[in-house]
Amino acid sequence: MNRAQSLDSAITTAPAGILDWLTLSCRHIALLAAMIATAGSLFFSEVLRWIPCELCWYQRILMYPLTVILFVGIWRDDRKVYLYVLPLALAGIAVSLYHYLMVMLIIPPAPCAGAVPCAFDYINIPGVLSFLKIPFLALVAFIIISVMMANLALADLPPAHGRVARIVAVAIVMVTSAIFVGLGMMI
């Protein structure tokens, strides 16, 4: 391919709007959601000393590997990383939704084997934000990851790749970790 053809190729694949930008950034957005969810769950249990229930552990089992899988997928420029991520994220949606419905008392609480009942609610915000619960936060993260991976799977435009994509992935991991470590040190 000569220089003119590569320039034409670059121009035709440049992001034209918000959907193209999301497609280019979908792996990074999913990584950011996974990092925030992972660091947030560790913050709740290690800094605030909130003991996770049995269903919380299942959600963690499904979320924690996603950070590693997404980071490695970006680093290796694996454009089919969705094949590894979607099964975990979709299972996470199911567990989080079930847990959220239990915490909101929409379905009857199931007996949990852990020290904390699965319907126990650590976050009690009155009023308009009363829907915000820990399982809801996990549910949102799993949905964001699933939507971004579905976008990657169905997109015609390839995701961001190369050195810049790797630098952004490292920055996401480092900045997210630093923010949560800093928050932990302040409390």
C-alpha atoms as a PDB file:
ATOM      1  CA  MET A   1       0.000   0.000   0.000  1.00  0.00           C
ATOM      2  CA  ASN A   2       1.464   3.355  -0.961  1.00  0.00           C
ATOM      3  CA  ARG A   3       1.317   6.518   1.122  1.00  0.00           C
ATOM      4  CA  ALA A   4      -1.726   7.942  -0.700  1.00  0.00           C
ATOM      5  CA  GLN A   5      -3.733   4.753  -0.148  1.00  0.00           C
ATOM      6  CA  SER A   6      -2.862   4.635   3.548  1.00  0.00           C
ATOM      7  CA  LEU A   7      -3.898   8.291   3.891  1.00  0.00           C
ATOM      8  CA  ASP A   8      -7.220   7.522   2.166  1.00  0.00           C
ATOM      9  CA  SER A   9      -7.682   4.557   4.478  1.00  0.00           C
ATOM     10  CA  ALA A  10      -7.023   6.730   7.527  1.00  0.00           C
ATOM     11  CA  ILE A  11      -9.481   9.363   6.342  1.00  0.00           C
ATOM     12  CA  THR A  12     -12.288   6.869   5.671  1.00  0.00           C
ATOM     13  CA  THR A  13     -11.837   5.216   9.086  1.00  0.00           C
ATOM     14  CA  ALA A  14     -11.649   8.478  11.055  1.00  0.00           C
ATOM     15  CA  PRO A  15     -14.466   8.785  13.588  1.00  0.00           C
ATOM     16  CA  ALA A  16     -17.388  10.678  12.053  1.00  0.00           C
ATOM     17  CA  GLY A  17     -19.497  11.003  15.190  1.00  0.00           C
ATOM     18  CA  ILE A  18     -20.124   9.857  18.705  1.00  0.00           C
ATOM     19  CA  LEU A  19     -20.928   6.281  17.646  1.00  0.00           C
ATOM     20  CA  ASP A  20     -17.646   5.967  15.760  1.00  0.00           C
ATOM     21  CA  TRP A  21     -15.793   7.411  18.743  1.00  0.00           C
ATOM     22  CA  LEU A  22     -17.508   4.865  21.039  1.00  0.00           C
ATOM     23  CA  THR A  23     -16.495   2.071  18.686  1.00  0.00           C
ATOM     24  CA  LEU A  24     -12.881   3.229  18.692  1.00  0.00           C
ATOM     25  CA  SER A  25     -12.920   3.510  22.491  1.00  0.00           C
ATOM     26  CA  CYS A  26     -15.158   0.563  23.415  1.00  0.00           C
ATOM     27  CA  ARG A  27     -12.398  -1.617  24.900  1.00  0.00           C
ATOM     28  CA  HIS A  28     -11.080   1.303  26.931  1.00  0.00           C
ATOM     29  CA  ILE A  29     -14.537   2.279  28.205  1.00  0.00           C
ATOM     30  CA  ALA A  30     -15.134  -1.350  29.238  1.00  0.00           C
ATOM     31  CA  LEU A  31     -11.722  -1.429  30.969  1.00  0.00           C
ATOM     32  CA  LEU A  32     -12.534   1.794  32.834  1.00  0.00           C
ATOM     33  CA  ALA A  33     -15.894   0.393  34.008  1.00  0.00           C
ATOM     34  CA  ALA A  34     -14.235  -2.851  35.147  1.00  0.00           C
ATOM     35  CA  MET A  35     -11.454  -0.975  36.953  1.00  0.00           C
ATOM     36  CA  ILE A  36     -13.893   1.335  38.769  1.00  0.00           C
ATOM     37  CA  ALA A  37     -16.067  -1.641  39.788  1.00  0.00           C
ATOM     38  CA  THR A  38     -13.069  -3.683  40.947  1.00  0.00           C
ATOM     39  CA  ALA A  39     -11.434  -0.836  42.858  1.00  0.00           C
ATOM     40  CA  GLY A  40     -14.800   0.232  44.261  1.00  0.00           C
ATOM     41  CA  SER A  41     -15.587  -3.237  45.611  1.00  0.00           C
ATOM     42  CA  LEU A  42     -12.142  -3.427  47.204  1.00  0.00           C
ATOM     43  CA  PHE A  43     -12.672   0.044  48.676  1.00  0.00           C
ATOM     44  CA  PHE A  44     -15.984  -1.037  50.220  1.00  0.00           C
ATOM     45  CA  SER A  45     -14.522  -4.179  51.790  1.00  0.00           C
ATOM     46  CA  GLU A  46     -10.939  -3.196  52.609  1.00  0.00           C
ATOM     47  CA  VAL A  47     -11.300   0.487  53.535  1.00  0.00           C
ATOM     48  CA  LEU A  48     -14.899   0.786  54.741  1.00  0.00           C
ATOM     49  CA  ARG A  49     -14.783  -2.774  56.163  1.00  0.00           C
ATOM     50  CA  TRP A  50     -18.126  -3.742  54.631  1.00  0.00           C
ATOM     51  CA  ILE A  51     -18.276  -7.527  54.611  1.00  0.00           C
ATOM     52  CA  PRO A  52     -19.407  -8.843  51.205  1.00  0.00           C
ATOM     53  CA  CYS A  53     -22.300 -11.273  51.084  1.00  0.00           C
ATOM     54  CA  GLU A  54     -22.277 -14.494  49.081  1.00  0.00           C
ATOM     55  CA  LEU A  55     -23.804 -12.894  45.969  1.00  0.00           C
ATOM     56  CA  CYS A  56     -21.295 -10.031  46.217  1.00  0.00           C
ATOM     57  CA  TRP A  57     -18.524 -12.625  46.019  1.00  0.00           C
ATOM     58  CA  TYR A  58     -20.074 -14.135  42.883  1.00  0.00           C
ATOM     59  CA  GLN A  59     -20.190 -10.688  41.293  1.00  0.00           C
ATOM     60  CA  ARG A  60     -16.537 -10.130  42.230  1.00  0.00           C
ATOM     61  CA  ILE A  61     -15.597 -13.509  40.758  1.00  0.00           C
ATOM     62  CA  LEU A  62     -17.171 -12.378  37.485  1.00  0.00           C
ATOM     63  CA  MET A  63     -15.814  -8.782  37.543  1.00  0.00           C
ATOM     64  CA  TYR A  64     -12.202  -9.097  38.685  1.00  0.00           C
ATOM     65  CA  PRO A  65     -10.980 -11.203  35.733  1.00  0.00           C
ATOM     66  CA  LEU A  66     -12.553  -8.691  33.328  1.00  0.00           C
ATOM     67  CA  THR A  67      -9.972  -6.063  34.261  1.00  0.00           C
ATOM     68  CA  VAL A  68      -7.134  -8.416  33.354  1.00  0.00           C
ATOM     69  CA  ILE A  69      -8.813  -9.812  30.231  1.00  0.00           C
ATOM     70  CA  LEU A  70      -9.646  -6.341  28.897  1.00  0.00           C
ATOM     71  CA  PHE A  71      -6.176  -4.973  29.650  1.00  0.00           C
ATOM     72  CA  VAL A  72      -4.458  -7.922  27.959  1.00  0.00           C
ATOM     73  CA  GLY A  73      -6.928  -7.702  25.056  1.00  0.00           C
ATOM     74  CA  ILE A  74      -6.001  -4.060  24.491  1.00  0.00           C
ATOM     75  CA  TRP A  75      -2.283  -4.725  24.947  1.00  0.00           C
ATOM     76  CA  ARG A  76      -2.289  -7.581  22.424  1.00  0.00           C
ATOM     77  CA  ASP A  77      -4.721  -5.765  20.100  1.00  0.00           C
ATOM     78  CA  ASP A  78      -7.174  -8.658  20.338  1.00  0.00           C
ATOM     79  CA  ARG A  79     -10.175  -7.471  18.344  1.00  0.00           C
ATOM     80  CA  LYS A  80     -12.161 -10.502  19.438  1.00  0.00           C
ATOM     81  CA  VAL A  81     -11.728  -9.895  23.172  1.00  0.00           C
ATOM     82  CA  TYR A  82     -15.525  -9.767  23.354  1.00  0.00           C
ATOM     83  CA  LEU A  83     -15.536 -13.568  23.003  1.00  0.00           C
ATOM     84  CA  TYR A  84     -13.882 -13.823  26.430  1.00  0.00           C
ATOM     85  CA  VAL A  85     -15.541 -10.827  28.073  1.00  0.00           C
ATOM     86  CA  LEU A  86     -19.215 -11.173  27.118  1.00  0.00           C
ATOM     87  CA  PRO A  87     -19.888 -14.514  28.877  1.00  0.00           C
ATOM     88  CA  LEU A  88     -18.559 -13.144  32.188  1.00  0.00           C
ATOM     89  CA  ALA A  89     -20.301  -9.787  31.789  1.00  0.00           C
ATOM     90  CA  LEU A  90     -23.669 -11.311  30.861  1.00  0.00           C
ATOM     91  CA  ALA A  91     -23.475 -13.728  33.798  1.00  0.00           C
ATOM     92  CA  GLY A  92     -22.609 -10.726  35.967  1.00  0.00           C
ATOM     93  CA  ILE A  93     -25.738  -8.927  34.760  1.00  0.00           C
ATOM     94  CA  ALA A  94     -27.857 -11.913  35.807  1.00  0.00           C
ATOM     95  CA  VAL A  95     -26.293 -12.219  39.278  1.00  0.00           C
ATOM     96  CA  SER A  96     -26.342  -8.449  39.888  1.00  0.00           C
ATOM     97  CA  LEU A  97     -29.949  -8.093  38.778  1.00  0.00           C
ATOM     98  CA  TYR A  98     -31.027 -10.998  41.000  1.00  0.00           C
ATOM     99  CA  HIS A  99     -29.106  -9.495  43.944  1.00  0.00           C
ATOM    100  CA  TYR A 100     -30.499  -6.007  43.300  1.00  0.00           C
ATOM    101  CA  LEU A 101     -34.090  -7.288  43.210  1.00  0.00           C
ATOM    102  CA  MET A 102     -33.435  -9.034  46.522  1.00  0.00           C
ATOM    103  CA  VAL A 103     -31.968  -5.910  48.157  1.00  0.00           C
ATOM    104  CA  MET A 104     -34.889  -3.817  46.912  1.00  0.00           C
ATOM    105  CA  LEU A 105     -37.247  -6.470  48.371  1.00  0.00           C
ATOM    106  CA  ILE A 106     -38.926  -7.017  44.995  1.00  0.00           C
ATOM    107  CA  ILE A 107     -38.243 -10.739  45.325  1.00  0.00           C
ATOM    108  CA  PRO A 108     -38.012 -12.586  48.631  1.00  0.00           C
ATOM    109  CA  PRO A 109     -34.501 -12.838  50.074  1.00  0.00           C
ATOM    110  CA  ALA A 110     -32.774 -16.150  49.531  1.00  0.00           C
ATOM    111  CA  PRO A 111     -30.823 -17.748  52.352  1.00  0.00           C
ATOM    112  CA  CYS A 112     -27.129 -16.928  52.042  1.00  0.00           C
ATOM    113  CA  ALA A 113     -24.322 -18.986  53.528  1.00  0.00           C
ATOM    114  CA  GLY A 114     -22.096 -16.003  54.373  1.00  0.00           C
ATOM    115  CA  ALA A 115     -21.833 -13.831  57.479  1.00  0.00           C
ATOM    116  CA  VAL A 116     -23.931 -11.084  55.866  1.00  0.00           C
ATOM    117  CA  PRO A 117     -27.462 -11.711  54.529  1.00  0.00           C
ATOM    118  CA  CYS A 118     -27.681 -11.120  50.778  1.00  0.00           C
ATOM    119  CA  ALA A 119     -30.583  -8.689  51.221  1.00  0.00           C
ATOM    120  CA  PHE A 120     -28.555  -6.508  53.611  1.00  0.00           C
ATOM    121  CA  ASP A 121     -28.258  -2.917  52.421  1.00  0.00           C
ATOM    122  CA  TYR A 122     -25.053  -0.986  53.186  1.00  0.00           C
ATOM    123  CA  ILE A 123     -26.068   2.092  51.203  1.00  0.00           C
ATOM    124  CA  ASN A 124     -29.162   3.846  52.549  1.00  0.00           C
ATOM    125  CA  ILE A 125     -29.725   7.051  50.621  1.00  0.00           C
ATOM    126  CA  PRO A 126     -33.201   8.448  51.247  1.00  0.00           C
ATOM    127  CA  GLY A 127     -35.322  10.068  48.592  1.00  0.00           C
ATOM    128  CA  VAL A 128     -34.748  10.169  44.859  1.00  0.00           C
ATOM    129  CA  LEU A 129     -31.459   8.258  44.998  1.00  0.00           C
ATOM    130  CA  SER A 130     -32.803   5.427  47.150  1.00  0.00           C
ATOM    131  CA  PHE A 131     -32.381   3.048  44.190  1.00  0.00           C
ATOM    132  CA  LEU A 132     -28.577   3.300  44.506  1.00  0.00           C
ATOM    133  CA  LYS A 133     -27.375   0.053  46.068  1.00  0.00           C
ATOM    134  CA  ILE A 134     -24.136  -1.886  45.689  1.00  0.00           C
ATOM    135  CA  PRO A 135     -25.689  -4.541  43.398  1.00  0.00           C
ATOM    136  CA  PHE A 136     -27.068  -1.703  41.233  1.00  0.00           C
ATOM    137  CA  LEU A 137     -23.558  -0.265  40.847  1.00  0.00           C
ATOM    138  CA  ALA A 138     -22.268  -3.694  39.791  1.00  0.00           C
ATOM    139  CA  LEU A 139     -25.212  -4.099  37.413  1.00  0.00           C
ATOM    140  CA  VAL A 140     -24.429  -0.772  35.725  1.00  0.00           C
ATOM    141  CA  ALA A 141     -20.761  -1.747  35.312  1.00  0.00           C
ATOM    142  CA  PHE A 142     -21.653  -5.146  33.814  1.00  0.00           C
ATOM    143  CA  ILE A 143     -24.146  -3.484  31.435  1.00  0.00           C
ATOM    144  CA  ILE A 144     -21.588  -0.888  30.282  1.00  0.00           C
ATOM    145  CA  ILE A 145     -19.029  -3.631  29.661  1.00  0.00           C
ATOM    146  CA  SER A 146     -21.578  -5.780  27.791  1.00  0.00           C
ATOM    147  CA  VAL A 147     -22.770  -2.907  25.593  1.00  0.00           C
ATOM    148  CA  MET A 148     -19.197  -1.911  24.733  1.00  0.00           C
ATOM    149  CA  MET A 149     -18.283  -5.509  23.856  1.00  0.00           C
ATOM    150  CA  ALA A 150     -21.450  -5.930  21.768  1.00  0.00           C
ATOM    151  CA  ASN A 151     -20.503  -2.720  19.972  1.00  0.00           C
ATOM    152  CA  LEU A 152     -17.031  -4.136  19.325  1.00  0.00           C
ATOM    153  CA  ALA A 153     -18.503  -7.405  18.035  1.00  0.00           C
ATOM    154  CA  LEU A 154     -20.919  -5.711  15.621  1.00  0.00           C
ATOM    155  CA  ALA A 155     -18.778  -2.774  14.496  1.00  0.00           C
ATOM    156  CA  ASP A 156     -17.319  -2.306  11.055  1.00  0.00           C
ATOM    157  CA  LEU A 157     -14.768   0.178  12.378  1.00  0.00           C
ATOM    158  CA  PRO A 158     -11.778  -1.413  14.146  1.00  0.00           C
ATOM    159  CA  PRO A 159     -11.088  -0.321  17.735  1.00  0.00           C
ATOM    160  CA  ALA A 160      -8.168   1.900  18.675  1.00  0.00           C
ATOM    161  CA  HIS A 161      -4.923  -0.044  18.567  1.00  0.00           C
ATOM    162  CA  GLY A 162      -1.187   0.372  18.721  1.00  0.00           C
ATOM    163  CA  ARG A 163       1.010   2.299  21.083  1.00  0.00           C
ATOM    164  CA  VAL A 164      -1.535   4.996  21.969  1.00  0.00           C
ATOM    165  CA  ALA A 165      -4.155   2.362  22.858  1.00  0.00           C
ATOM    166  CA  ARG A 166      -1.644   0.649  25.162  1.00  0.00           C
ATOM    167  CA  ILE A 167      -0.659   3.919  26.825  1.00  0.00           C
ATOM    168  CA  VAL A 168      -4.313   4.795  27.433  1.00  0.00           C
ATOM    169  CA  ALA A 169      -4.950   1.326  28.922  1.00  0.00           C
ATOM    170  CA  VAL A 170      -1.995   1.693  31.290  1.00  0.00           C
ATOM    171  CA  ALA A 171      -3.183   5.199  32.215  1.00  0.00           C
ATOM    172  CA  ILE A 172      -6.686   3.900  32.999  1.00  0.00           C
ATOM    173  CA  VAL A 173      -5.299   1.225  35.312  1.00  0.00           C
ATOM    174  CA  MET A 174      -2.771   3.518  37.001  1.00  0.00           C
ATOM    175  CA  VAL A 175      -5.067   6.526  37.484  1.00  0.00           C
ATOM    176  CA  THR A 176      -8.012   4.451  38.716  1.00  0.00           C
ATOM    177  CA  SER A 177      -5.764   2.580  41.150  1.00  0.00           C
ATOM    178  CA  ALA A 178      -4.148   5.814  42.374  1.00  0.00           C
ATOM    179  CA  ILE A 179      -7.535   7.475  42.952  1.00  0.00           C
ATOM    180  CA  PHE A 180      -8.868   4.598  45.036  1.00  0.00           C
ATOM    181  CA  VAL A 181      -5.614   4.175  46.980  1.00  0.00           C
ATOM    182  CA  GLY A 182      -5.662   7.925  47.653  1.00  0.00           C
ATOM    183  CA  LEU A 183      -9.268   7.730  48.846  1.00  0.00           C
ATOM    184  CA  GLY A 184      -8.351   4.816  51.078  1.00  0.00           C
ATOM    185  CA  MET A 185      -5.493   6.762  52.640  1.00  0.00           C
ATOM    186  CA  MET A 186      -7.735   9.758  53.314  1.00  0.00           C
ATOM    187  CA  ILE A 187     -10.251   7.701  55.303  1.00  0.00           C
END
